[in-house]
Every structure is written in C-alpha cells, then in structure tokens.
Amino acid sequence: MRRGAALTGYRFTLTVHEAGEPEVSRVEWSGVSTPAGVGDEEAVAFFHGLSALLRTVTDA
C-alpha cells in the first residue's frame, strides 16, 4: 500500500493445527479490516502480498 494509507478495525485470527507428522503444523490465518485511504483493490493486493510472504516464511 502507498504511504499514508491505512486499514482500520483490523482483527486477525491465527490458528495452528497438528498436521499428523512430528514437528509439522498447518497454520490458518484470517483477518477482517476496513480500508481507510485506499481502494478495495489496493487493500486486496496488500493482503495477497502478505499472504505470499507468510507462505515463504512457513515453507522454509
């Protein structure tokens, strides 16, 4: 998102589940927010980027 843009009312849930193998887990992440100063498309793009980043971290 561009500088000065914000998301308000952001709430997220992070849940970790056993994946059936030792030392392996499945992580679910979900969130709700209201774009403030950005359009819906820009807010969606932000979360798609964040999701991709989280996948790279959890796939390591």
N, C-alpha and C. Protein backbone atom coordinates (compact mmCIF):
# COMPACT_ATOMS: atom_id res chain seq x y z
N MET A 1 0.83 -1.18 0.00
CA MET A 1 0.00 0.00 0.00
C MET A 1 0.87 1.24 0.00
N ARG A 2 0.34 2.30 -0.50
CA ARG A 2 1.11 3.54 -0.56
C ARG A 2 1.21 4.17 0.82
N ARG A 3 2.22 4.98 1.00
CA ARG A 3 2.44 5.67 2.27
C ARG A 3 1.22 6.53 2.60
N GLY A 4 0.81 6.52 3.87
CA GLY A 4 -0.33 7.30 4.30
C GLY A 4 -1.64 6.53 4.24
N ALA A 5 -1.63 5.35 3.60
CA ALA A 5 -2.83 4.53 3.54
C ALA A 5 -2.90 3.69 4.81
N ALA A 6 -4.11 3.29 5.16
CA ALA A 6 -4.27 2.53 6.41
C ALA A 6 -5.43 1.55 6.28
N LEU A 7 -5.41 0.61 7.17
CA LEU A 7 -6.53 -0.29 7.36
C LEU A 7 -7.01 -0.06 8.79
N THR A 8 -8.32 0.07 8.98
CA THR A 8 -8.85 0.29 10.31
C THR A 8 -9.68 -0.91 10.74
N GLY A 9 -9.89 -1.03 12.03
CA GLY A 9 -10.71 -2.11 12.55
C GLY A 9 -10.15 -3.49 12.24
N TYR A 10 -8.83 -3.58 12.11
CA TYR A 10 -8.20 -4.84 11.72
C TYR A 10 -8.21 -5.83 12.87
N ARG A 11 -8.74 -7.01 12.61
CA ARG A 11 -8.70 -8.12 13.56
C ARG A 11 -8.22 -9.35 12.80
N PHE A 12 -7.39 -10.14 13.45
CA PHE A 12 -6.95 -11.34 12.76
C PHE A 12 -6.98 -12.52 13.71
N THR A 13 -7.05 -13.69 13.11
CA THR A 13 -7.01 -14.95 13.85
C THR A 13 -5.92 -15.80 13.24
N LEU A 14 -5.07 -16.32 14.08
CA LEU A 14 -4.02 -17.23 13.66
C LEU A 14 -4.24 -18.52 14.43
N THR A 15 -4.44 -19.62 13.70
CA THR A 15 -4.71 -20.91 14.32
C THR A 15 -3.68 -21.92 13.83
N VAL A 16 -3.10 -22.67 14.74
CA VAL A 16 -2.11 -23.69 14.40
C VAL A 16 -2.73 -25.06 14.67
N HIS A 17 -2.67 -25.93 13.66
CA HIS A 17 -3.22 -27.27 13.76
C HIS A 17 -2.12 -28.31 13.60
N GLU A 18 -2.27 -29.43 14.27
CA GLU A 18 -1.35 -30.54 14.05
C GLU A 18 -1.56 -31.05 12.63
N ALA A 19 -0.48 -31.47 11.99
CA ALA A 19 -0.58 -31.95 10.61
C ALA A 19 -0.37 -33.45 10.50
N GLY A 20 -0.30 -34.15 11.61
CA GLY A 20 -0.18 -35.59 11.58
C GLY A 20 1.24 -36.13 11.52
N GLU A 21 2.21 -35.25 11.42
CA GLU A 21 3.61 -35.66 11.41
C GLU A 21 4.34 -34.92 12.51
N PRO A 22 5.39 -35.53 13.08
CA PRO A 22 6.16 -34.84 14.11
C PRO A 22 6.75 -33.54 13.55
N GLU A 23 6.67 -32.50 14.34
CA GLU A 23 7.25 -31.19 14.02
C GLU A 23 6.68 -30.55 12.75
N VAL A 24 5.45 -30.93 12.38
CA VAL A 24 4.79 -30.33 11.22
C VAL A 24 3.44 -29.79 11.68
N SER A 25 3.13 -28.57 11.29
CA SER A 25 1.87 -27.94 11.64
C SER A 25 1.27 -27.26 10.43
N ARG A 26 -0.03 -27.05 10.48
CA ARG A 26 -0.73 -26.28 9.46
C ARG A 26 -1.20 -24.99 10.13
N VAL A 27 -0.91 -23.86 9.51
CA VAL A 27 -1.26 -22.56 10.07
C VAL A 27 -2.36 -21.94 9.23
N GLU A 28 -3.43 -21.53 9.89
CA GLU A 28 -4.51 -20.80 9.23
C GLU A 28 -4.48 -19.36 9.72
N TRP A 29 -4.59 -18.43 8.79
CA TRP A 29 -4.60 -17.02 9.12
C TRP A 29 -5.78 -16.37 8.41
N SER A 30 -6.57 -15.61 9.15
CA SER A 30 -7.67 -14.88 8.53
C SER A 30 -7.77 -13.52 9.20
N GLY A 31 -8.33 -12.57 8.47
CA GLY A 31 -8.44 -11.23 9.02
C GLY A 31 -9.59 -10.47 8.41
N VAL A 32 -10.01 -9.44 9.13
CA VAL A 32 -11.08 -8.55 8.68
C VAL A 32 -10.61 -7.13 8.94
N SER A 33 -10.81 -6.25 7.96
CA SER A 33 -10.43 -4.85 8.14
C SER A 33 -11.26 -3.98 7.21
N THR A 34 -11.15 -2.69 7.42
CA THR A 34 -11.80 -1.71 6.56
C THR A 34 -10.72 -0.82 5.96
N PRO A 35 -10.67 -0.73 4.63
CA PRO A 35 -9.68 0.16 4.02
C PRO A 35 -9.99 1.62 4.38
N ALA A 36 -8.97 2.37 4.72
CA ALA A 36 -9.11 3.80 5.02
C ALA A 36 -8.04 4.53 4.21
N GLY A 37 -8.46 5.26 3.20
CA GLY A 37 -7.50 5.97 2.37
C GLY A 37 -6.98 5.15 1.20
N VAL A 38 -7.54 3.95 1.02
CA VAL A 38 -7.17 3.10 -0.12
C VAL A 38 -8.44 2.49 -0.69
N GLY A 39 -8.37 2.08 -1.94
CA GLY A 39 -9.49 1.39 -2.54
C GLY A 39 -9.46 -0.09 -2.19
N ASP A 40 -10.56 -0.75 -2.45
CA ASP A 40 -10.65 -2.18 -2.17
C ASP A 40 -9.57 -2.96 -2.89
N GLU A 41 -9.31 -2.63 -4.17
CA GLU A 41 -8.30 -3.38 -4.93
C GLU A 41 -6.92 -3.25 -4.32
N GLU A 42 -6.57 -2.07 -3.83
CA GLU A 42 -5.26 -1.89 -3.20
C GLU A 42 -5.17 -2.66 -1.89
N ALA A 43 -6.25 -2.67 -1.12
CA ALA A 43 -6.26 -3.42 0.14
C ALA A 43 -6.14 -4.93 -0.14
N VAL A 44 -6.85 -5.42 -1.15
CA VAL A 44 -6.77 -6.84 -1.51
C VAL A 44 -5.35 -7.18 -1.96
N ALA A 45 -4.75 -6.32 -2.76
CA ALA A 45 -3.37 -6.56 -3.22
C ALA A 45 -2.41 -6.63 -2.05
N PHE A 46 -2.61 -5.77 -1.05
CA PHE A 46 -1.77 -5.80 0.15
C PHE A 46 -1.85 -7.16 0.84
N PHE A 47 -3.07 -7.66 1.03
CA PHE A 47 -3.22 -8.94 1.72
C PHE A 47 -2.73 -10.11 0.89
N HIS A 48 -2.86 -10.03 -0.42
CA HIS A 48 -2.28 -11.09 -1.27
C HIS A 48 -0.76 -11.11 -1.10
N GLY A 49 -0.14 -9.93 -1.07
CA GLY A 49 1.31 -9.85 -0.85
C GLY A 49 1.71 -10.38 0.51
N LEU A 50 0.93 -10.02 1.53
CA LEU A 50 1.21 -10.50 2.88
C LEU A 50 1.06 -12.02 2.95
N SER A 51 0.04 -12.54 2.32
CA SER A 51 -0.17 -13.99 2.30
C SER A 51 0.99 -14.70 1.62
N ALA A 52 1.47 -14.15 0.51
CA ALA A 52 2.63 -14.75 -0.18
C ALA A 52 3.86 -14.73 0.71
N LEU A 53 4.06 -13.63 1.43
CA LEU A 53 5.19 -13.54 2.35
C LEU A 53 5.08 -14.58 3.45
N LEU A 54 3.90 -14.73 4.03
CA LEU A 54 3.71 -15.74 5.09
C LEU A 54 3.96 -17.14 4.57
N ARG A 55 3.58 -17.42 3.33
CA ARG A 55 3.84 -18.75 2.76
C ARG A 55 5.33 -19.00 2.64
N THR A 56 6.10 -17.99 2.24
CA THR A 56 7.54 -18.20 2.10
C THR A 56 8.19 -18.45 3.45
N VAL A 57 7.68 -17.79 4.48
CA VAL A 57 8.22 -17.96 5.83
C VAL A 57 7.86 -19.35 6.37
N THR A 58 6.63 -19.77 6.17
CA THR A 58 6.19 -21.05 6.73
C THR A 58 6.67 -22.24 5.92
N ASP A 59 7.02 -22.02 4.64
CA ASP A 59 7.53 -23.13 3.81
C ASP A 59 9.00 -23.38 4.04
N ALA A 60 9.67 -22.50 4.76
CA ALA A 60 11.12 -22.63 4.97
C ALA A 60 11.46 -23.83 5.82
